[in-house]
Every structure is written in C-alpha cells, then in structure tokens.
Amino acid sequence: MAKLLGISGSLRKQSFNTALLKAAKTLAPEGVELEIATLHGIPLYDGDLEGRSGIPEAVTALKQKIIASDGVIIATPEYNGSIPGVLKNAVDWLSRPPADIPKVFQGRAFAVVGATPSGFGTMLAQNAWLTVLRQLGVQHWNGGKLLLSRAHEAFDDQGSLTDQRHKDELGKFLQGFAQFAARAKSSS
C-alpha cells in the first residue's frame, strides 16, 4: 500500500486546492491511501519565536505526517504568478531545525499539482516550487502534470469534480505518482 500525504497550500474554506485533494482521495486507486493536511495553525516563521518556544505543535504534527508518508503531493494555488506565502512559510518551518531536513525531505517523493480559476492553470507556481524542492533534496516526480484551470467551473457546490476527463486525469496522476513514491521509498 502506498501512503500519500496531500498538503493544501490554501487556508480558504472553499479552497479549490483542498477540493482537488478531496477529489483525489475519492479517486485513489486500490492500494493507495491519501491523507489530506492543511496549514491551519502554523504561525509566520520567526527565528525569535523558534528560539524562545521551539517548533510549533502544528509544524511538528505536519512533519510527522510527512515522515510517515511514502510521498507528498503539494496542491498549490498560484498567487501573483508564483507560490503562495502561507505554503512557503510552512515549508520554511518544516525545514527547521536544519538537522530535520534529511528525515522530512531528502529522498522523499514529492509531486506538485494545482487548481486555479485562471485559464493558465498553476504552471508558474508549480515551476517556482522546483527550486525550493531541489534545495530540500526531494525526489520530484515530473512524470505527470496536473494544472486544473478554471477551477471555479470544475467543481460542483459540494466540491466534487464534475468533468469525467478531470477525474480520469487525476486518477492517472495518482496512479503514476504512487508507483514513483513506492520506487523512491524502496531505493532509499
């Protein structure tokens, strides 16, 4: 069984990226378990806060979920042509202290997806994540792209994907990433 963790990069209650991960959870192929995490409760990174109080509990809990997973799917919004601050902030916390980077990131399978109301998808944000992920030493899966554009038209009022083509693409993406994550785990 492949155990994947999906992290939504949006705090919004009706987030398209959270909805995308929820759809992925329902479409996960047999043998693939997908847990969804959000970034609620993670404060802005502040070295003084870290020095005074250590790593916040919300960060420690998310680290443990990543460590327990075979692979991580980052569902990123695209804000002003790049990555959202709340998600980058969480990654900055997750890399503290630096001695934790190997057990949280290095060699772990990561993939990036995104949903946005724009017509161009989240291509710029996904590309911007490549530098960050490379710096952290993850095994980035680039065997599939998932750029859900016009997300406001892709989900119904309950947050379910309405188009079978989107469902098929998401299922295929999950299958490919789960296989990659299993290979990455066995080679580490």
N, C-alpha and C. Protein backbone atom coordinates (compact mmCIF):
# COMPACT_ATOMS: atom_id res chain seq x y z
N MET A 1 0.84 -1.18 0.00
CA MET A 1 0.00 0.00 0.00
C MET A 1 0.88 1.24 0.00
N ALA A 2 0.57 2.17 -0.88
CA ALA A 2 1.29 3.46 -0.92
C ALA A 2 0.52 4.45 -0.05
N LYS A 3 1.24 5.05 0.87
CA LYS A 3 0.63 6.04 1.76
C LYS A 3 1.10 7.41 1.33
N LEU A 4 0.16 8.21 0.80
CA LEU A 4 0.48 9.54 0.31
C LEU A 4 -0.12 10.59 1.22
N LEU A 5 0.52 11.74 1.27
CA LEU A 5 0.03 12.88 2.02
C LEU A 5 -0.17 14.02 1.04
N GLY A 6 -1.36 14.58 1.03
CA GLY A 6 -1.66 15.76 0.23
C GLY A 6 -1.70 16.97 1.12
N ILE A 7 -0.95 18.01 0.79
CA ILE A 7 -0.92 19.24 1.58
C ILE A 7 -1.53 20.36 0.74
N SER A 8 -2.62 20.92 1.23
CA SER A 8 -3.26 22.03 0.54
C SER A 8 -2.55 23.33 0.91
N GLY A 9 -2.20 24.10 -0.09
CA GLY A 9 -1.50 25.36 0.12
C GLY A 9 -2.40 26.56 0.27
N SER A 10 -3.67 26.32 0.58
CA SER A 10 -4.61 27.41 0.76
C SER A 10 -5.33 27.25 2.09
N LEU A 11 -5.57 28.36 2.76
CA LEU A 11 -6.30 28.33 4.02
C LEU A 11 -7.81 28.55 3.82
N ARG A 12 -8.20 28.93 2.64
CA ARG A 12 -9.60 29.27 2.36
C ARG A 12 -10.52 28.08 2.56
N LYS A 13 -11.65 28.32 3.20
CA LYS A 13 -12.62 27.25 3.49
C LYS A 13 -13.07 26.55 2.20
N GLN A 14 -13.32 27.30 1.17
CA GLN A 14 -13.77 26.74 -0.12
C GLN A 14 -12.61 26.64 -1.12
N SER A 15 -11.44 26.30 -0.64
CA SER A 15 -10.23 26.22 -1.47
C SER A 15 -10.38 25.21 -2.60
N PHE A 16 -10.03 25.64 -3.80
CA PHE A 16 -10.03 24.73 -4.94
C PHE A 16 -8.95 23.66 -4.78
N ASN A 17 -7.84 24.01 -4.15
CA ASN A 17 -6.76 23.05 -3.98
C ASN A 17 -7.10 22.00 -2.93
N THR A 18 -7.80 22.39 -1.88
CA THR A 18 -8.29 21.40 -0.92
C THR A 18 -9.33 20.51 -1.59
N ALA A 19 -10.21 21.11 -2.39
CA ALA A 19 -11.21 20.32 -3.12
C ALA A 19 -10.53 19.33 -4.08
N LEU A 20 -9.45 19.76 -4.71
CA LEU A 20 -8.71 18.87 -5.62
C LEU A 20 -8.16 17.67 -4.86
N LEU A 21 -7.62 17.91 -3.67
CA LEU A 21 -7.10 16.80 -2.86
C LEU A 21 -8.23 15.89 -2.37
N LYS A 22 -9.36 16.47 -2.01
CA LYS A 22 -10.50 15.65 -1.59
C LYS A 22 -11.00 14.78 -2.74
N ALA A 23 -11.01 15.35 -3.95
CA ALA A 23 -11.38 14.55 -5.13
C ALA A 23 -10.36 13.44 -5.35
N ALA A 24 -9.09 13.76 -5.17
CA ALA A 24 -8.04 12.75 -5.33
C ALA A 24 -8.23 11.62 -4.34
N LYS A 25 -8.61 11.95 -3.12
CA LYS A 25 -8.82 10.92 -2.10
C LYS A 25 -9.91 9.94 -2.53
N THR A 26 -10.97 10.46 -3.12
CA THR A 26 -12.07 9.57 -3.56
C THR A 26 -11.69 8.78 -4.80
N LEU A 27 -10.74 9.27 -5.58
CA LEU A 27 -10.33 8.60 -6.82
C LEU A 27 -9.07 7.76 -6.67
N ALA A 28 -8.52 7.72 -5.46
CA ALA A 28 -7.28 6.98 -5.26
C ALA A 28 -7.45 5.53 -5.69
N PRO A 29 -6.53 5.03 -6.50
CA PRO A 29 -6.62 3.65 -6.95
C PRO A 29 -6.44 2.67 -5.78
N GLU A 30 -6.84 1.45 -6.01
CA GLU A 30 -6.68 0.42 -4.99
C GLU A 30 -5.22 0.33 -4.57
N GLY A 31 -5.01 0.25 -3.28
CA GLY A 31 -3.66 0.16 -2.76
C GLY A 31 -3.00 1.51 -2.50
N VAL A 32 -3.76 2.58 -2.68
CA VAL A 32 -3.23 3.93 -2.44
C VAL A 32 -4.13 4.61 -1.40
N GLU A 33 -3.49 5.05 -0.33
CA GLU A 33 -4.19 5.79 0.72
C GLU A 33 -3.71 7.23 0.67
N LEU A 34 -4.63 8.18 0.66
CA LEU A 34 -4.27 9.58 0.61
C LEU A 34 -4.86 10.29 1.83
N GLU A 35 -3.96 10.86 2.65
CA GLU A 35 -4.37 11.68 3.78
C GLU A 35 -4.21 13.13 3.36
N ILE A 36 -5.11 13.99 3.83
CA ILE A 36 -5.07 15.41 3.47
C ILE A 36 -4.71 16.24 4.70
N ALA A 37 -3.78 17.17 4.51
CA ALA A 37 -3.37 18.07 5.58
C ALA A 37 -3.54 19.51 5.11
N THR A 38 -3.85 20.37 6.07
CA THR A 38 -3.91 21.80 5.77
C THR A 38 -2.85 22.51 6.62
N LEU A 39 -2.74 23.80 6.43
CA LEU A 39 -1.70 24.57 7.09
C LEU A 39 -2.24 25.42 8.24
N HIS A 40 -3.46 25.16 8.64
CA HIS A 40 -4.05 25.92 9.74
C HIS A 40 -3.23 25.74 11.01
N GLY A 41 -3.00 26.83 11.72
CA GLY A 41 -2.29 26.77 12.99
C GLY A 41 -0.80 26.98 12.90
N ILE A 42 -0.27 27.09 11.68
CA ILE A 42 1.17 27.32 11.54
C ILE A 42 1.42 28.82 11.51
N PRO A 43 2.17 29.35 12.49
CA PRO A 43 2.40 30.80 12.54
C PRO A 43 3.41 31.23 11.48
N LEU A 44 3.51 32.53 11.28
CA LEU A 44 4.56 33.05 10.41
C LEU A 44 5.91 32.68 11.00
N TYR A 45 6.84 32.28 10.12
CA TYR A 45 8.15 31.90 10.63
C TYR A 45 8.82 33.11 11.27
N ASP A 46 9.37 32.89 12.46
CA ASP A 46 10.06 33.92 13.22
C ASP A 46 11.16 33.22 14.01
N GLY A 47 12.40 33.50 13.66
CA GLY A 47 13.52 32.87 14.35
C GLY A 47 13.53 33.13 15.84
N ASP A 48 13.04 34.30 16.24
CA ASP A 48 12.96 34.60 17.67
C ASP A 48 11.94 33.70 18.35
N LEU A 49 10.80 33.49 17.69
CA LEU A 49 9.78 32.58 18.23
C LEU A 49 10.34 31.16 18.34
N GLU A 50 11.04 30.73 17.30
CA GLU A 50 11.66 29.41 17.33
C GLU A 50 12.65 29.31 18.48
N GLY A 51 13.46 30.33 18.66
CA GLY A 51 14.45 30.33 19.74
C GLY A 51 13.82 30.30 21.12
N ARG A 52 12.70 31.02 21.27
CA ARG A 52 12.01 31.09 22.56
C ARG A 52 11.18 29.85 22.86
N SER A 53 10.44 29.39 21.85
CA SER A 53 9.42 28.36 22.10
C SER A 53 9.65 27.05 21.35
N GLY A 54 10.65 27.01 20.48
CA GLY A 54 10.88 25.80 19.70
C GLY A 54 9.94 25.72 18.50
N ILE A 55 9.81 24.53 17.98
CA ILE A 55 8.98 24.30 16.80
C ILE A 55 7.52 24.21 17.24
N PRO A 56 6.61 24.97 16.59
CA PRO A 56 5.20 24.92 16.96
C PRO A 56 4.60 23.52 16.77
N GLU A 57 3.62 23.21 17.60
CA GLU A 57 2.99 21.89 17.56
C GLU A 57 2.40 21.56 16.19
N ALA A 58 1.79 22.56 15.53
CA ALA A 58 1.20 22.31 14.21
C ALA A 58 2.27 21.90 13.19
N VAL A 59 3.46 22.47 13.32
CA VAL A 59 4.57 22.12 12.42
C VAL A 59 5.07 20.71 12.73
N THR A 60 5.23 20.40 14.00
CA THR A 60 5.68 19.07 14.41
C THR A 60 4.70 18.00 13.93
N ALA A 61 3.41 18.27 14.06
CA ALA A 61 2.40 17.31 13.61
C ALA A 61 2.48 17.08 12.10
N LEU A 62 2.68 18.16 11.33
CA LEU A 62 2.79 18.03 9.88
C LEU A 62 4.08 17.30 9.51
N LYS A 63 5.17 17.57 10.21
CA LYS A 63 6.42 16.84 9.97
C LYS A 63 6.20 15.34 10.14
N GLN A 64 5.51 14.96 11.20
CA GLN A 64 5.28 13.54 11.47
C GLN A 64 4.44 12.90 10.37
N LYS A 65 3.47 13.63 9.84
CA LYS A 65 2.66 13.11 8.73
C LYS A 65 3.52 12.91 7.48
N ILE A 66 4.42 13.85 7.22
CA ILE A 66 5.30 13.72 6.05
C ILE A 66 6.22 12.51 6.23
N ILE A 67 6.82 12.40 7.40
CA ILE A 67 7.74 11.30 7.67
C ILE A 67 7.04 9.94 7.54
N ALA A 68 5.77 9.87 7.93
CA ALA A 68 5.01 8.63 7.87
C ALA A 68 4.53 8.29 6.45
N SER A 69 4.68 9.24 5.52
CA SER A 69 4.17 9.02 4.16
C SER A 69 5.25 8.45 3.25
N ASP A 70 4.79 7.85 2.17
CA ASP A 70 5.69 7.39 1.11
C ASP A 70 5.97 8.51 0.12
N GLY A 71 5.04 9.45 0.04
CA GLY A 71 5.18 10.57 -0.89
C GLY A 71 4.22 11.68 -0.53
N VAL A 72 4.56 12.89 -0.99
CA VAL A 72 3.78 14.09 -0.66
C VAL A 72 3.34 14.77 -1.95
N ILE A 73 2.07 15.13 -1.98
CA ILE A 73 1.52 15.92 -3.08
C ILE A 73 1.23 17.31 -2.54
N ILE A 74 1.89 18.30 -3.09
CA ILE A 74 1.63 19.69 -2.73
C ILE A 74 0.58 20.21 -3.71
N ALA A 75 -0.55 20.68 -3.19
CA ALA A 75 -1.59 21.30 -4.01
C ALA A 75 -1.46 22.80 -3.84
N THR A 76 -0.87 23.44 -4.84
CA THR A 76 -0.51 24.85 -4.71
C THR A 76 -1.43 25.77 -5.49
N PRO A 77 -1.93 26.80 -4.84
CA PRO A 77 -2.54 27.89 -5.59
C PRO A 77 -1.43 28.66 -6.30
N GLU A 78 -1.82 29.56 -7.17
CA GLU A 78 -0.86 30.47 -7.80
C GLU A 78 -1.28 31.88 -7.48
N TYR A 79 -0.45 32.58 -6.73
CA TYR A 79 -0.74 33.96 -6.35
C TYR A 79 0.29 34.87 -7.02
N ASN A 80 -0.20 35.81 -7.81
CA ASN A 80 0.66 36.79 -8.48
C ASN A 80 1.80 36.11 -9.25
N GLY A 81 1.47 35.03 -9.91
CA GLY A 81 2.43 34.35 -10.77
C GLY A 81 3.45 33.51 -10.03
N SER A 82 3.21 33.19 -8.75
CA SER A 82 4.20 32.41 -8.01
C SER A 82 3.53 31.61 -6.90
N ILE A 83 4.35 31.15 -5.96
CA ILE A 83 3.87 30.30 -4.87
C ILE A 83 3.21 31.13 -3.78
N PRO A 84 2.24 30.54 -3.08
CA PRO A 84 1.57 31.27 -2.01
C PRO A 84 2.46 31.35 -0.76
N GLY A 85 2.42 32.50 -0.12
CA GLY A 85 3.25 32.73 1.07
C GLY A 85 2.96 31.76 2.19
N VAL A 86 1.71 31.41 2.40
CA VAL A 86 1.36 30.52 3.52
C VAL A 86 1.99 29.14 3.34
N LEU A 87 2.07 28.67 2.11
CA LEU A 87 2.66 27.36 1.86
C LEU A 87 4.19 27.41 1.95
N LYS A 88 4.79 28.47 1.42
CA LYS A 88 6.24 28.62 1.54
C LYS A 88 6.63 28.78 3.00
N ASN A 89 5.84 29.52 3.76
CA ASN A 89 6.07 29.69 5.19
C ASN A 89 6.07 28.33 5.90
N ALA A 90 5.11 27.48 5.56
CA ALA A 90 5.04 26.15 6.18
C ALA A 90 6.28 25.34 5.85
N VAL A 91 6.72 25.39 4.60
CA VAL A 91 7.93 24.65 4.21
C VAL A 91 9.14 25.20 4.95
N ASP A 92 9.19 26.51 5.13
CA ASP A 92 10.31 27.09 5.89
C ASP A 92 10.31 26.56 7.32
N TRP A 93 9.15 26.48 7.95
CA TRP A 93 9.07 25.91 9.30
C TRP A 93 9.46 24.44 9.29
N LEU A 94 8.98 23.71 8.28
CA LEU A 94 9.25 22.26 8.21
C LEU A 94 10.75 21.97 8.06
N SER A 95 11.50 22.94 7.57
CA SER A 95 12.94 22.74 7.40
C SER A 95 13.74 23.18 8.63
N ARG A 96 13.06 23.46 9.72
CA ARG A 96 13.70 23.87 10.97
C ARG A 96 13.60 22.77 12.00
N PRO A 97 14.57 22.51 12.79
CA PRO A 97 15.95 22.94 12.58
C PRO A 97 16.52 22.25 11.33
N PRO A 98 17.58 22.80 10.76
CA PRO A 98 18.15 22.21 9.54
C PRO A 98 18.48 20.72 9.66
N ALA A 99 18.76 20.26 10.85
CA ALA A 99 19.07 18.83 11.05
C ALA A 99 17.87 17.94 10.72
N ASP A 100 16.66 18.50 10.67
CA ASP A 100 15.46 17.72 10.34
C ASP A 100 15.25 17.54 8.83
N ILE A 101 15.94 18.33 8.01
CA ILE A 101 15.72 18.27 6.56
C ILE A 101 15.88 16.86 6.01
N PRO A 102 16.93 16.11 6.38
CA PRO A 102 17.06 14.77 5.81
C PRO A 102 15.87 13.85 6.11
N LYS A 103 15.36 13.86 7.32
CA LYS A 103 14.27 12.93 7.63
C LYS A 103 12.92 13.40 7.10
N VAL A 104 12.75 14.70 6.90
CA VAL A 104 11.47 15.22 6.41
C VAL A 104 11.43 15.25 4.88
N PHE A 105 12.52 15.69 4.26
CA PHE A 105 12.50 15.96 2.82
C PHE A 105 13.40 15.04 1.98
N GLN A 106 14.66 14.93 2.32
CA GLN A 106 15.64 14.33 1.41
C GLN A 106 15.27 12.92 0.98
N GLY A 107 15.21 12.77 -0.34
CA GLY A 107 14.91 11.46 -0.92
C GLY A 107 13.44 11.11 -0.96
N ARG A 108 12.59 11.90 -0.32
CA ARG A 108 11.15 11.60 -0.29
C ARG A 108 10.52 12.04 -1.61
N ALA A 109 9.59 11.25 -2.10
CA ALA A 109 8.89 11.57 -3.34
C ALA A 109 7.93 12.73 -3.11
N PHE A 110 8.02 13.73 -3.98
CA PHE A 110 7.13 14.89 -3.95
C PHE A 110 6.58 15.12 -5.35
N ALA A 111 5.34 15.56 -5.41
CA ALA A 111 4.71 15.99 -6.66
C ALA A 111 3.97 17.28 -6.37
N VAL A 112 3.77 18.08 -7.40
CA VAL A 112 3.07 19.35 -7.25
C VAL A 112 1.91 19.38 -8.24
N VAL A 113 0.73 19.74 -7.71
CA VAL A 113 -0.47 19.92 -8.52
C VAL A 113 -1.04 21.29 -8.17
N GLY A 114 -2.05 21.72 -8.89
CA GLY A 114 -2.67 22.98 -8.53
C GLY A 114 -3.96 23.22 -9.26
N ALA A 115 -4.82 23.99 -8.61
CA ALA A 115 -6.10 24.38 -9.19
C ALA A 115 -6.27 25.88 -9.02
N THR A 116 -6.78 26.53 -10.05
CA THR A 116 -6.95 27.97 -10.04
C THR A 116 -8.09 28.38 -10.95
N PRO A 117 -8.73 29.51 -10.67
CA PRO A 117 -9.78 29.99 -11.57
C PRO A 117 -9.23 30.50 -12.91
N SER A 118 -7.95 30.82 -12.99
CA SER A 118 -7.40 31.37 -14.23
C SER A 118 -7.40 30.31 -15.33
N GLY A 119 -7.21 30.78 -16.54
CA GLY A 119 -7.20 29.88 -17.69
C GLY A 119 -5.87 29.22 -17.94
N PHE A 120 -4.82 29.60 -17.19
CA PHE A 120 -3.48 29.08 -17.44
C PHE A 120 -3.06 28.01 -16.44
N GLY A 121 -3.90 27.67 -15.50
CA GLY A 121 -3.52 26.69 -14.50
C GLY A 121 -2.49 27.28 -13.55
N THR A 122 -1.79 26.44 -12.84
CA THR A 122 -0.83 26.90 -11.84
C THR A 122 0.61 26.62 -12.29
N MET A 123 0.84 26.76 -13.58
CA MET A 123 2.15 26.43 -14.14
C MET A 123 3.28 27.25 -13.53
N LEU A 124 3.07 28.55 -13.34
CA LEU A 124 4.15 29.39 -12.80
C LEU A 124 4.44 29.00 -11.35
N ALA A 125 3.41 28.76 -10.56
CA ALA A 125 3.63 28.35 -9.17
C ALA A 125 4.32 26.99 -9.12
N GLN A 126 3.88 26.06 -9.94
CA GLN A 126 4.50 24.73 -9.93
C GLN A 126 5.97 24.82 -10.32
N ASN A 127 6.27 25.63 -11.31
CA ASN A 127 7.68 25.80 -11.71
C ASN A 127 8.48 26.47 -10.60
N ALA A 128 7.90 27.43 -9.89
CA ALA A 128 8.60 28.10 -8.80
C ALA A 128 8.92 27.13 -7.66
N TRP A 129 8.09 26.13 -7.47
CA TRP A 129 8.35 25.14 -6.41
C TRP A 129 9.57 24.28 -6.71
N LEU A 130 9.94 24.15 -7.97
CA LEU A 130 11.05 23.26 -8.33
C LEU A 130 12.35 23.67 -7.64
N THR A 131 12.63 24.97 -7.57
CA THR A 131 13.85 25.45 -6.92
C THR A 131 13.85 25.09 -5.44
N VAL A 132 12.71 25.30 -4.78
CA VAL A 132 12.60 25.01 -3.35
C VAL A 132 12.77 23.52 -3.10
N LEU A 133 12.08 22.71 -3.87
CA LEU A 133 12.14 21.25 -3.68
C LEU A 133 13.53 20.71 -3.98
N ARG A 134 14.17 21.25 -4.99
CA ARG A 134 15.55 20.83 -5.31
C ARG A 134 16.48 21.15 -4.14
N GLN A 135 16.33 22.34 -3.56
CA GLN A 135 17.16 22.75 -2.43
C GLN A 135 16.99 21.81 -1.24
N LEU A 136 15.78 21.29 -1.05
CA LEU A 136 15.50 20.40 0.08
C LEU A 136 15.87 18.94 -0.21
N GLY A 137 16.22 18.63 -1.44
CA GLY A 137 16.70 17.30 -1.78
C GLY A 137 15.62 16.24 -1.97
N VAL A 138 14.40 16.67 -2.32
CA VAL A 138 13.34 15.69 -2.54
C VAL A 138 13.54 14.99 -3.88
N GLN A 139 12.83 13.89 -4.06
CA GLN A 139 12.75 13.25 -5.37
C GLN A 139 11.47 13.75 -6.01
N HIS A 140 11.61 14.73 -6.89
CA HIS A 140 10.44 15.34 -7.53
C HIS A 140 9.96 14.47 -8.68
N TRP A 141 8.68 14.17 -8.66
CA TRP A 141 8.08 13.39 -9.76
C TRP A 141 7.60 14.35 -10.83
N ASN A 142 8.17 14.22 -12.00
CA ASN A 142 7.72 15.04 -13.11
C ASN A 142 7.12 14.19 -14.22
N GLY A 143 6.65 13.02 -13.85
CA GLY A 143 6.04 12.10 -14.82
C GLY A 143 4.64 12.46 -15.21
N GLY A 144 4.07 13.46 -14.58
CA GLY A 144 2.72 13.89 -14.92
C GLY A 144 2.51 15.31 -14.46
N LYS A 145 1.67 16.03 -15.15
CA LYS A 145 1.34 17.40 -14.74
C LYS A 145 -0.16 17.44 -14.48
N LEU A 146 -0.51 18.19 -13.48
CA LEU A 146 -1.93 18.40 -13.20
C LEU A 146 -2.11 19.88 -12.90
N LEU A 147 -2.61 20.58 -13.91
CA LEU A 147 -2.83 22.03 -13.83
C LEU A 147 -4.31 22.27 -14.09
N LEU A 148 -5.11 22.31 -13.04
CA LEU A 148 -6.55 22.45 -13.21
C LEU A 148 -6.90 23.94 -13.33
N SER A 149 -7.17 24.36 -14.56
CA SER A 149 -7.56 25.75 -14.79
C SER A 149 -9.09 25.85 -14.72
N ARG A 150 -9.56 27.07 -14.60
CA ARG A 150 -11.00 27.35 -14.49
C ARG A 150 -11.65 26.48 -13.41
N ALA A 151 -10.96 26.42 -12.27
CA ALA A 151 -11.40 25.55 -11.17
C ALA A 151 -12.79 25.92 -10.67
N HIS A 152 -13.17 27.17 -10.77
CA HIS A 152 -14.50 27.59 -10.33
C HIS A 152 -15.61 26.93 -11.15
N GLU A 153 -15.27 26.39 -12.32
CA GLU A 153 -16.23 25.68 -13.16
C GLU A 153 -16.07 24.17 -13.05
N ALA A 154 -14.99 23.71 -12.42
CA ALA A 154 -14.67 22.28 -12.40
C ALA A 154 -15.31 21.53 -11.24
N PHE A 155 -15.76 22.25 -10.21
CA PHE A 155 -16.32 21.62 -9.02
C PHE A 155 -17.78 22.03 -8.85
N ASP A 156 -18.58 21.10 -8.32
CA ASP A 156 -19.96 21.44 -8.00
C ASP A 156 -20.03 22.11 -6.63
N ASP A 157 -21.24 22.39 -6.15
CA ASP A 157 -21.41 23.07 -4.87
C ASP A 157 -20.89 22.27 -3.68
N GLN A 158 -20.77 20.96 -3.82
CA GLN A 158 -20.24 20.11 -2.75
C GLN A 158 -18.73 19.93 -2.85
N GLY A 159 -18.10 20.54 -3.85
CA GLY A 159 -16.66 20.45 -4.01
C GLY A 159 -16.20 19.22 -4.78
N SER A 160 -17.12 18.56 -5.48
CA SER A 160 -16.76 17.38 -6.28
C SER A 160 -16.46 17.78 -7.71
N LEU A 161 -15.48 17.10 -8.31
CA LEU A 161 -15.19 17.33 -9.72
C LEU A 161 -16.38 16.89 -10.55
N THR A 162 -16.73 17.69 -11.56
CA THR A 162 -17.91 17.38 -12.36
C THR A 162 -17.57 16.77 -13.72
N ASP A 163 -16.38 16.97 -14.20
CA ASP A 163 -16.00 16.52 -15.54
C ASP A 163 -15.24 15.19 -15.45
N GLN A 164 -15.69 14.19 -16.20
CA GLN A 164 -15.05 12.88 -16.17
C GLN A 164 -13.60 12.94 -16.64
N ARG A 165 -13.31 13.83 -17.57
CA ARG A 165 -11.94 13.97 -18.06
C ARG A 165 -11.00 14.39 -16.93
N HIS A 166 -11.46 15.33 -16.10
CA HIS A 166 -10.66 15.75 -14.94
C HIS A 166 -10.47 14.61 -13.96
N LYS A 167 -11.52 13.85 -13.75
CA LYS A 167 -11.42 12.70 -12.84
C LYS A 167 -10.43 11.67 -13.38
N ASP A 168 -10.49 11.40 -14.68
CA ASP A 168 -9.56 10.44 -15.29
C ASP A 168 -8.12 10.92 -15.18
N GLU A 169 -7.89 12.21 -15.45
CA GLU A 169 -6.53 12.77 -15.35
C GLU A 169 -6.00 12.68 -13.92
N LEU A 170 -6.86 12.99 -12.96
CA LEU A 170 -6.45 12.94 -11.56
C LEU A 170 -6.15 11.50 -11.13
N GLY A 171 -6.99 10.55 -11.53
CA GLY A 171 -6.75 9.15 -11.21
C GLY A 171 -5.45 8.65 -11.82
N LYS A 172 -5.19 9.01 -13.07
CA LYS A 172 -3.95 8.62 -13.74
C LYS A 172 -2.73 9.24 -13.04
N PHE A 173 -2.85 10.50 -12.65
CA PHE A 173 -1.78 11.19 -11.94
C PHE A 173 -1.46 10.45 -10.63
N LEU A 174 -2.50 10.14 -9.86
CA LEU A 174 -2.31 9.44 -8.59
C LEU A 174 -1.64 8.09 -8.77
N GLN A 175 -2.09 7.34 -9.76
CA GLN A 175 -1.51 6.03 -10.03
C GLN A 175 -0.02 6.15 -10.34
N GLY A 176 0.32 7.08 -11.21
CA GLY A 176 1.73 7.27 -11.59
C GLY A 176 2.58 7.73 -10.41
N PHE A 177 2.05 8.68 -9.64
CA PHE A 177 2.84 9.17 -8.51
C PHE A 177 2.99 8.10 -7.43
N ALA A 178 1.95 7.33 -7.18
CA ALA A 178 2.03 6.26 -6.17
C ALA A 178 3.11 5.25 -6.55
N GLN A 179 3.20 4.91 -7.83
CA GLN A 179 4.23 3.98 -8.29
C GLN A 179 5.62 4.59 -8.12
N PHE A 180 5.75 5.87 -8.45
CA PHE A 180 7.03 6.57 -8.27
C PHE A 180 7.42 6.60 -6.80
N ALA A 181 6.47 6.93 -5.92
CA ALA A 181 6.75 7.01 -4.49
C ALA A 181 7.18 5.66 -3.94
N ALA A 182 6.56 4.59 -4.40
CA ALA A 182 6.93 3.25 -3.93
C ALA A 182 8.36 2.92 -4.37
N ARG A 183 8.71 3.27 -5.61
CA ARG A 183 10.08 3.03 -6.09
C ARG A 183 11.09 3.88 -5.32
N ALA A 184 10.72 5.14 -5.06
CA ALA A 184 11.61 6.05 -4.33
C ALA A 184 11.85 5.53 -2.92
N LYS A 185 10.82 5.03 -2.29
CA LYS A 185 10.95 4.53 -0.93
C LYS A 185 11.83 3.27 -0.90
N SER A 186 11.65 2.39 -1.86
CA SER A 186 12.43 1.15 -1.87
C SER A 186 13.90 1.39 -2.21
N SER A 187 14.19 2.51 -2.89
CA SER A 187 15.58 2.80 -3.25
C SER A 187 16.32 3.60 -2.17
N SER A 188 15.57 4.06 -1.14
CA SER A 188 16.24 4.88 -0.12
C SER A 188 16.67 4.06 1.07
